[in-house]
Amino acid sequence: MGLISKLDRHSALFHRMSEARHVDLADAVVHGVIDGQTLRDSVLRCMQCEQTEQCEHWLDEAGLGDTPEPTGCRNRLLLDRLSV
């Protein structure tokens, strides 16, 4: 997988995860809670994850509520902070 494809994949994963966690990233940026650098860093952290397939599976099933959230998410602390 090329770099651009990997960036696109993990950007989409991070945004899907934030939606599944009921985090509005655009609202957080508009209100100065996070900035663009934080968003970029989050995608880069996601790219370093070795559990991409598990994350994708969880996101595909998240609406069903029968699959526990992945515990190894590299952006978990940020998403926890933003979901408060």
PDB file of N, CA and C in Angstrom:
ATOM      1  N   MET A   1       0.855  -1.176   0.000  1.00  0.00           N
ATOM      2  CA  MET A   1       0.000   0.000   0.000  1.00  0.00           C
ATOM      3  C   MET A   1       0.896   1.232   0.000  1.00  0.00           C
ATOM      4  N   GLY A   2       0.607   2.172  -0.895  1.00  0.00           N
ATOM      5  CA  GLY A   2       1.380   3.401  -0.976  1.00  0.00           C
ATOM      6  C   GLY A   2       1.069   4.346   0.173  1.00  0.00           C
ATOM      7  N   LEU A   3       1.932   5.327   0.339  1.00  0.00           N
ATOM      8  CA  LEU A   3       1.795   6.281   1.447  1.00  0.00           C
ATOM      9  C   LEU A   3       0.464   7.031   1.402  1.00  0.00           C
ATOM     10  N   ILE A   4       0.090   7.519   0.243  1.00  0.00           N
ATOM     11  CA  ILE A   4      -1.162   8.289   0.138  1.00  0.00           C
ATOM     12  C   ILE A   4      -2.361   7.405   0.459  1.00  0.00           C
ATOM     13  N   SER A   5      -2.349   6.175  -0.047  1.00  0.00           N
ATOM     14  CA  SER A   5      -3.439   5.240   0.254  1.00  0.00           C
ATOM     15  C   SER A   5      -3.509   4.948   1.743  1.00  0.00           C
ATOM     16  N   LYS A   6      -2.343   4.782   2.365  1.00  0.00           N
ATOM     17  CA  LYS A   6      -2.305   4.508   3.804  1.00  0.00           C
ATOM     18  C   LYS A   6      -2.808   5.715   4.593  1.00  0.00           C
ATOM     19  N   LEU A   7      -2.405   6.920   4.197  1.00  0.00           N
ATOM     20  CA  LEU A   7      -2.910   8.137   4.847  1.00  0.00           C
ATOM     21  C   LEU A   7      -4.426   8.218   4.727  1.00  0.00           C
ATOM     22  N   ASP A   8      -4.934   7.972   3.528  1.00  0.00           N
ATOM     23  CA  ASP A   8      -6.385   8.025   3.308  1.00  0.00           C
ATOM     24  C   ASP A   8      -7.108   6.992   4.168  1.00  0.00           C
ATOM     25  N   ARG A   9      -6.572   5.782   4.207  1.00  0.00           N
ATOM     26  CA  ARG A   9      -7.204   4.704   4.977  1.00  0.00           C
ATOM     27  C   ARG A   9      -7.282   5.059   6.455  1.00  0.00           C
ATOM     28  N   HIS A  10      -6.176   5.539   7.010  1.00  0.00           N
ATOM     29  CA  HIS A  10      -6.144   5.808   8.443  1.00  0.00           C
ATOM     30  C   HIS A  10      -6.848   7.112   8.811  1.00  0.00           C
ATOM     31  N   SER A  11      -6.867   8.053   7.897  1.00  0.00           N
ATOM     32  CA  SER A  11      -7.670   9.255   8.134  1.00  0.00           C
ATOM     33  C   SER A  11      -9.141   8.870   8.235  1.00  0.00           C
ATOM     34  N   ALA A  12      -9.585   8.016   7.324  1.00  0.00           N
ATOM     35  CA  ALA A  12     -10.975   7.548   7.356  1.00  0.00           C
ATOM     36  C   ALA A  12     -11.255   6.747   8.623  1.00  0.00           C
ATOM     37  N   LEU A  13     -10.315   5.881   9.020  1.00  0.00           N
ATOM     38  CA  LEU A  13     -10.493   5.105  10.252  1.00  0.00           C
ATOM     39  C   LEU A  13     -10.616   6.009  11.468  1.00  0.00           C
ATOM     40  N   PHE A  14      -9.734   7.007  11.558  1.00  0.00           N
ATOM     41  CA  PHE A  14      -9.771   7.914  12.708  1.00  0.00           C
ATOM     42  C   PHE A  14     -11.103   8.672  12.748  1.00  0.00           C
ATOM     43  N   HIS A  15     -11.552   9.130  11.602  1.00  0.00           N
ATOM     44  CA  HIS A  15     -12.826   9.861  11.572  1.00  0.00           C
ATOM     45  C   HIS A  15     -14.001   8.943  11.878  1.00  0.00           C
ATOM     46  N   ARG A  16     -13.963   7.717  11.379  1.00  0.00           N
ATOM     47  CA  ARG A  16     -15.026   6.755  11.714  1.00  0.00           C
ATOM     48  C   ARG A  16     -15.028   6.439  13.207  1.00  0.00           C
ATOM     49  N   MET A  17     -13.835   6.289  13.777  1.00  0.00           N
ATOM     50  CA  MET A  17     -13.743   5.991  15.211  1.00  0.00           C
ATOM     51  C   MET A  17     -14.285   7.172  16.021  1.00  0.00           C
ATOM     52  N   SER A  18     -13.947   8.386  15.613  1.00  0.00           N
ATOM     53  CA  SER A  18     -14.454   9.548  16.354  1.00  0.00           C
ATOM     54  C   SER A  18     -15.979   9.606  16.266  1.00  0.00           C
ATOM     55  N   GLU A  19     -16.539   9.310  15.106  1.00  0.00           N
ATOM     56  CA  GLU A  19     -17.995   9.290  14.969  1.00  0.00           C
ATOM     57  C   GLU A  19     -18.616   8.202  15.837  1.00  0.00           C
ATOM     58  N   ALA A  20     -17.990   7.023  15.840  1.00  0.00           N
ATOM     59  CA  ALA A  20     -18.504   5.921  16.664  1.00  0.00           C
ATOM     60  C   ALA A  20     -18.446   6.262  18.145  1.00  0.00           C
ATOM     61  N   ARG A  21     -17.469   7.087  18.516  1.00  0.00           N
ATOM     62  CA  ARG A  21     -17.316   7.502  19.910  1.00  0.00           C
ATOM     63  C   ARG A  21     -18.112   8.775  20.207  1.00  0.00           C
ATOM     64  N   HIS A  22     -18.878   9.242  19.228  1.00  0.00           N
ATOM     65  CA  HIS A  22     -19.708  10.453  19.361  1.00  0.00           C
ATOM     66  C   HIS A  22     -18.867  11.698  19.615  1.00  0.00           C
ATOM     67  N   VAL A  23     -17.741  11.775  18.920  1.00  0.00           N
ATOM     68  CA  VAL A  23     -16.854  12.934  19.002  1.00  0.00           C
ATOM     69  C   VAL A  23     -16.984  13.711  17.697  1.00  0.00           C
ATOM     70  N   ASP A  24     -17.305  14.992  17.811  1.00  0.00           N
ATOM     71  CA  ASP A  24     -17.422  15.868  16.650  1.00  0.00           C
ATOM     72  C   ASP A  24     -16.094  16.605  16.478  1.00  0.00           C
ATOM     73  N   LEU A  25     -15.236  16.089  15.596  1.00  0.00           N
ATOM     74  CA  LEU A  25     -13.913  16.683  15.407  1.00  0.00           C
ATOM     75  C   LEU A  25     -14.003  18.103  14.858  1.00  0.00           C
ATOM     76  N   ALA A  26     -14.913  18.342  13.932  1.00  0.00           N
ATOM     77  CA  ALA A  26     -15.060  19.683  13.374  1.00  0.00           C
ATOM     78  C   ALA A  26     -15.444  20.678  14.463  1.00  0.00           C
ATOM     79  N   ASP A  27     -16.356  20.291  15.322  1.00  0.00           N
ATOM     80  CA  ASP A  27     -16.767  21.152  16.428  1.00  0.00           C
ATOM     81  C   ASP A  27     -15.597  21.413  17.379  1.00  0.00           C
ATOM     82  N   ALA A  28     -14.795  20.391  17.632  1.00  0.00           N
ATOM     83  CA  ALA A  28     -13.638  20.553  18.516  1.00  0.00           C
ATOM     84  C   ALA A  28     -12.631  21.532  17.922  1.00  0.00           C
ATOM     85  N   VAL A  29     -12.451  21.502  16.611  1.00  0.00           N
ATOM     86  CA  VAL A  29     -11.539  22.443  15.956  1.00  0.00           C
ATOM     87  C   VAL A  29     -12.114  23.850  15.996  1.00  0.00           C
ATOM     88  N   VAL A  30     -13.386  23.982  15.639  1.00  0.00           N
ATOM     89  CA  VAL A  30     -14.033  25.304  15.609  1.00  0.00           C
ATOM     90  C   VAL A  30     -13.977  25.977  16.973  1.00  0.00           C
ATOM     91  N   HIS A  31     -14.134  25.187  18.031  1.00  0.00           N
ATOM     92  CA  HIS A  31     -14.143  25.750  19.375  1.00  0.00           C
ATOM     93  C   HIS A  31     -12.764  25.773  20.032  1.00  0.00           C
ATOM     94  N   GLY A  32     -11.740  25.476  19.262  1.00  0.00           N
ATOM     95  CA  GLY A  32     -10.366  25.589  19.755  1.00  0.00           C
ATOM     96  C   GLY A  32      -9.955  24.529  20.752  1.00  0.00           C
ATOM     97  N   VAL A  33     -10.691  23.439  20.832  1.00  0.00           N
ATOM     98  CA  VAL A  33     -10.339  22.357  21.745  1.00  0.00           C
ATOM     99  C   VAL A  33      -9.126  21.605  21.214  1.00  0.00           C
ATOM    100  N   ILE A  34      -9.078  21.433  19.891  1.00  0.00           N
ATOM    101  CA  ILE A  34      -7.927  20.836  19.216  1.00  0.00           C
ATOM    102  C   ILE A  34      -7.616  21.672  17.980  1.00  0.00           C
ATOM    103  N   ASP A  35      -6.422  21.460  17.429  1.00  0.00           N
ATOM    104  CA  ASP A  35      -6.042  22.188  16.221  1.00  0.00           C
ATOM    105  C   ASP A  35      -5.692  21.207  15.105  1.00  0.00           C
ATOM    106  N   GLY A  36      -5.355  21.760  13.955  1.00  0.00           N
ATOM    107  CA  GLY A  36      -5.035  20.928  12.805  1.00  0.00           C
ATOM    108  C   GLY A  36      -3.861  20.000  13.050  1.00  0.00           C
ATOM    109  N   GLN A  37      -2.874  20.471  13.780  1.00  0.00           N
ATOM    110  CA  GLN A  37      -1.714  19.631  14.080  1.00  0.00           C
ATOM    111  C   GLN A  37      -2.129  18.407  14.898  1.00  0.00           C
ATOM    112  N   THR A  38      -3.045  18.590  15.823  1.00  0.00           N
ATOM    113  CA  THR A  38      -3.546  17.468  16.620  1.00  0.00           C
ATOM    114  C   THR A  38      -4.245  16.447  15.732  1.00  0.00           C
ATOM    115  N   LEU A  39      -5.019  16.931  14.761  1.00  0.00           N
ATOM    116  CA  LEU A  39      -5.684  16.012  13.829  1.00  0.00           C
ATOM    117  C   LEU A  39      -4.659  15.244  13.001  1.00  0.00           C
ATOM    118  N   ARG A  40      -3.656  15.954  12.491  1.00  0.00           N
ATOM    119  CA  ARG A  40      -2.618  15.275  11.704  1.00  0.00           C
ATOM    120  C   ARG A  40      -1.880  14.253  12.545  1.00  0.00           C
ATOM    121  N   ASP A  41      -1.524  14.639  13.771  1.00  0.00           N
ATOM    122  CA  ASP A  41      -0.828  13.712  14.668  1.00  0.00           C
ATOM    123  C   ASP A  41      -1.679  12.476  14.952  1.00  0.00           C
ATOM    124  N   SER A  42      -2.974  12.660  15.053  1.00  0.00           N
ATOM    125  CA  SER A  42      -3.882  11.541  15.324  1.00  0.00           C
ATOM    126  C   SER A  42      -3.886  10.543  14.172  1.00  0.00           C
ATOM    127  N   VAL A  43      -3.893  11.053  12.957  1.00  0.00           N
ATOM    128  CA  VAL A  43      -3.849  10.165  11.790  1.00  0.00           C
ATOM    129  C   VAL A  43      -2.509   9.432  11.746  1.00  0.00           C
ATOM    130  N   LEU A  44      -1.428  10.133  12.046  1.00  0.00           N
ATOM    131  CA  LEU A  44      -0.108   9.488  12.058  1.00  0.00           C
ATOM    132  C   LEU A  44      -0.032   8.408  13.132  1.00  0.00           C
ATOM    133  N   ARG A  45      -0.623   8.674  14.308  1.00  0.00           N
ATOM    134  CA  ARG A  45      -0.662   7.640  15.358  1.00  0.00           C
ATOM    135  C   ARG A  45      -1.457   6.429  14.873  1.00  0.00           C
ATOM    136  N   CYS A  46      -2.558   6.689  14.210  1.00  0.00           N
ATOM    137  CA  CYS A  46      -3.382   5.611  13.677  1.00  0.00           C
ATOM    138  C   CYS A  46      -2.580   4.778  12.672  1.00  0.00           C
ATOM    139  N   MET A  47      -1.781   5.426  11.858  1.00  0.00           N
ATOM    140  CA  MET A  47      -0.975   4.724  10.862  1.00  0.00           C
ATOM    141  C   MET A  47       0.034   3.778  11.509  1.00  0.00           C
ATOM    142  N   GLN A  48       0.425   4.045  12.748  1.00  0.00           N
ATOM    143  CA  GLN A  48       1.400   3.211  13.446  1.00  0.00           C
ATOM    144  C   GLN A  48       0.756   2.004  14.124  1.00  0.00           C
ATOM    145  N   CYS A  49      -0.545   1.957  14.118  1.00  0.00           N
ATOM    146  CA  CYS A  49      -1.266   0.884  14.799  1.00  0.00           C
ATOM    147  C   CYS A  49      -1.093  -0.445  14.071  1.00  0.00           C
ATOM    148  N   GLU A  50      -0.988  -1.500  14.837  1.00  0.00           N
ATOM    149  CA  GLU A  50      -0.871  -2.836  14.276  1.00  0.00           C
ATOM    150  C   GLU A  50      -2.199  -3.597  14.344  1.00  0.00           C
ATOM    151  N   GLN A  51      -3.271  -2.911  14.728  1.00  0.00           N
ATOM    152  CA  GLN A  51      -4.582  -3.546  14.882  1.00  0.00           C
ATOM    153  C   GLN A  51      -5.612  -2.981  13.904  1.00  0.00           C
ATOM    154  N   THR A  52      -5.162  -2.577  12.732  1.00  0.00           N
ATOM    155  CA  THR A  52      -6.045  -1.928  11.771  1.00  0.00           C
ATOM    156  C   THR A  52      -7.258  -2.785  11.423  1.00  0.00           C
ATOM    157  N   GLU A  53      -7.032  -4.067  11.172  1.00  0.00           N
ATOM    158  CA  GLU A  53      -8.142  -4.939  10.799  1.00  0.00           C
ATOM    159  C   GLU A  53      -9.152  -5.075  11.937  1.00  0.00           C
ATOM    160  N   GLN A  54      -8.664  -5.185  13.179  1.00  0.00           N
ATOM    161  CA  GLN A  54      -9.573  -5.273  14.323  1.00  0.00           C
ATOM    162  C   GLN A  54     -10.386  -3.979  14.452  1.00  0.00           C
ATOM    163  N   CYS A  55      -9.738  -2.869  14.227  1.00  0.00           N
ATOM    164  CA  CYS A  55     -10.417  -1.572  14.302  1.00  0.00           C
ATOM    165  C   CYS A  55     -11.505  -1.490  13.228  1.00  0.00           C
ATOM    166  N   GLU A  56     -11.147  -1.867  12.004  1.00  0.00           N
ATOM    167  CA  GLU A  56     -12.136  -1.833  10.930  1.00  0.00           C
ATOM    168  C   GLU A  56     -13.321  -2.744  11.247  1.00  0.00           C
ATOM    169  N   HIS A  57     -13.031  -3.913  11.766  1.00  0.00           N
ATOM    170  CA  HIS A  57     -14.108  -4.845  12.135  1.00  0.00           C
ATOM    171  C   HIS A  57     -14.997  -4.225  13.212  1.00  0.00           C
ATOM    172  N   TRP A  58     -14.399  -3.647  14.236  1.00  0.00           N
ATOM    173  CA  TRP A  58     -15.184  -3.028  15.299  1.00  0.00           C
ATOM    174  C   TRP A  58     -16.047  -1.904  14.734  1.00  0.00           C
ATOM    175  N   LEU A  59     -15.478  -1.088  13.879  1.00  0.00           N
ATOM    176  CA  LEU A  59     -16.242   0.018  13.306  1.00  0.00           C
ATOM    177  C   LEU A  59     -17.401  -0.495  12.448  1.00  0.00           C
ATOM    178  N   ASP A  60     -17.171  -1.582  11.739  1.00  0.00           N
ATOM    179  CA  ASP A  60     -18.248  -2.160  10.944  1.00  0.00           C
ATOM    180  C   ASP A  60     -19.376  -2.687  11.823  1.00  0.00           C
ATOM    181  N   GLU A  61     -19.039  -3.119  13.036  1.00  0.00           N
ATOM    182  CA  GLU A  61     -20.016  -3.710  13.950  1.00  0.00           C
ATOM    183  C   GLU A  61     -20.443  -2.770  15.072  1.00  0.00           C
ATOM    184  N   ALA A  62     -19.848  -1.584  15.171  1.00  0.00           N
ATOM    185  CA  ALA A  62     -20.061  -0.682  16.316  1.00  0.00           C
ATOM    186  C   ALA A  62     -21.530  -0.366  16.556  1.00  0.00           C
ATOM    187  N   GLY A  63     -22.293  -0.214  15.499  1.00  0.00           N
ATOM    188  CA  GLY A  63     -23.700   0.117  15.656  1.00  0.00           C
ATOM    189  C   GLY A  63     -24.513  -1.006  16.268  1.00  0.00           C
ATOM    190  N   LEU A  64     -23.968  -2.205  16.258  1.00  0.00           N
ATOM    191  CA  LEU A  64     -24.710  -3.337  16.790  1.00  0.00           C
ATOM    192  C   LEU A  64     -24.541  -3.492  18.291  1.00  0.00           C
ATOM    193  N   GLY A  65     -23.489  -2.908  18.843  1.00  0.00           N
ATOM    194  CA  GLY A  65     -23.275  -2.925  20.283  1.00  0.00           C
ATOM    195  C   GLY A  65     -22.877  -4.259  20.868  1.00  0.00           C
ATOM    196  N   ASP A  66     -22.527  -5.244  20.035  1.00  0.00           N
ATOM    197  CA  ASP A  66     -22.180  -6.554  20.581  1.00  0.00           C
ATOM    198  C   ASP A  66     -20.692  -6.865  20.522  1.00  0.00           C
ATOM    199  N   THR A  67     -19.892  -5.898  20.096  1.00  0.00           N
ATOM    200  CA  THR A  67     -18.450  -6.088  19.999  1.00  0.00           C
ATOM    201  C   THR A  67     -17.761  -5.055  20.881  1.00  0.00           C
ATOM    202  N   PRO A  68     -16.905  -5.497  21.805  1.00  0.00           N
ATOM    203  CA  PRO A  68     -16.215  -4.518  22.649  1.00  0.00           C
ATOM    204  C   PRO A  68     -15.274  -3.638  21.832  1.00  0.00           C
ATOM    205  N   GLU A  69     -15.174  -2.388  22.227  1.00  0.00           N
ATOM    206  CA  GLU A  69     -14.284  -1.442  21.557  1.00  0.00           C
ATOM    207  C   GLU A  69     -12.838  -1.908  21.664  1.00  0.00           C
ATOM    208  N   PRO A  70     -12.047  -1.723  20.599  1.00  0.00           N
ATOM    209  CA  PRO A  70     -10.639  -2.110  20.662  1.00  0.00           C
ATOM    210  C   PRO A  70      -9.921  -1.364  21.795  1.00  0.00           C
ATOM    211  N   THR A  71      -9.115  -2.091  22.541  1.00  0.00           N
ATOM    212  CA  THR A  71      -8.433  -1.467  23.681  1.00  0.00           C
ATOM    213  C   THR A  71      -7.102  -0.846  23.296  1.00  0.00           C
ATOM    214  N   GLY A  72      -6.563  -1.191  22.133  1.00  0.00           N
ATOM    215  CA  GLY A  72      -5.234  -0.716  21.766  1.00  0.00           C
ATOM    216  C   GLY A  72      -5.221   0.529  20.911  1.00  0.00           C
ATOM    217  N   CYS A  73      -6.338   1.241  20.819  1.00  0.00           N
ATOM    218  CA  CYS A  73      -6.392   2.429  19.966  1.00  0.00           C
ATOM    219  C   CYS A  73      -5.373   3.464  20.441  1.00  0.00           C
ATOM    220  N   ARG A  74      -4.521   3.884  19.529  1.00  0.00           N
ATOM    221  CA  ARG A  74      -3.484   4.870  19.851  1.00  0.00           C
ATOM    222  C   ARG A  74      -4.060   6.267  20.060  1.00  0.00           C
ATOM    223  N   ASN A  75      -5.312   6.461  19.712  1.00  0.00           N
ATOM    224  CA  ASN A  75      -5.965   7.756  19.905  1.00  0.00           C
ATOM    225  C   ASN A  75      -7.020   7.715  21.001  1.00  0.00           C
ATOM    226  N   ARG A  76      -7.022   6.640  21.759  1.00  0.00           N
ATOM    227  CA  ARG A  76      -8.040   6.460  22.789  1.00  0.00           C
ATOM    228  C   ARG A  76      -8.071   7.618  23.796  1.00  0.00           C
ATOM    229  N   LEU A  77      -6.913   8.040  24.271  1.00  0.00           N
ATOM    230  CA  LEU A  77      -6.884   9.119  25.267  1.00  0.00           C
ATOM    231  C   LEU A  77      -7.465  10.410  24.700  1.00  0.00           C
ATOM    232  N   LEU A  78      -7.108  10.747  23.475  1.00  0.00           N
ATOM    233  CA  LEU A  78      -7.661  11.946  22.847  1.00  0.00           C
ATOM    234  C   LEU A  78      -9.169  11.814  22.688  1.00  0.00           C
ATOM    235  N   LEU A  79      -9.629  10.689  22.187  1.00  0.00           N
ATOM    236  CA  LEU A  79     -11.065  10.492  21.999  1.00  0.00           C
ATOM    237  C   LEU A  79     -11.801  10.475  23.325  1.00  0.00           C
ATOM    238  N   ASP A  80     -11.194   9.892  24.358  1.00  0.00           N
ATOM    239  CA  ASP A  80     -11.801   9.940  25.689  1.00  0.00           C
ATOM    240  C   ASP A  80     -11.961  11.380  26.166  1.00  0.00           C
ATOM    241  N   ARG A  81     -10.922  12.168  25.969  1.00  0.00           N
ATOM    242  CA  ARG A  81     -10.948  13.582  26.409  1.00  0.00           C
ATOM    243  C   ARG A  81     -12.023  14.361  25.640  1.00  0.00           C
ATOM    244  N   LEU A  82     -12.124  14.108  24.345  1.00  0.00           N
ATOM    245  CA  LEU A  82     -13.069  14.859  23.522  1.00  0.00           C
ATOM    246  C   LEU A  82     -14.508  14.386  23.688  1.00  0.00           C
ATOM    247  N   SER A  83     -14.706  13.182  24.190  1.00  0.00           N
ATOM    248  CA  SER A  83     -16.070  12.677  24.335  1.00  0.00           C
ATOM    249  C   SER A  83     -16.702  13.099  25.643  1.00  0.00           C
ATOM    250  N   VAL A  84     -15.983  13.797  26.459  1.00  0.00           N
ATOM    251  CA  VAL A  84     -16.517  14.232  27.761  1.00  0.00           C
ATOM    252  C   VAL A  84     -17.404  15.440  27.570  1.00  0.00           C
TER     253      VAL A  84
END
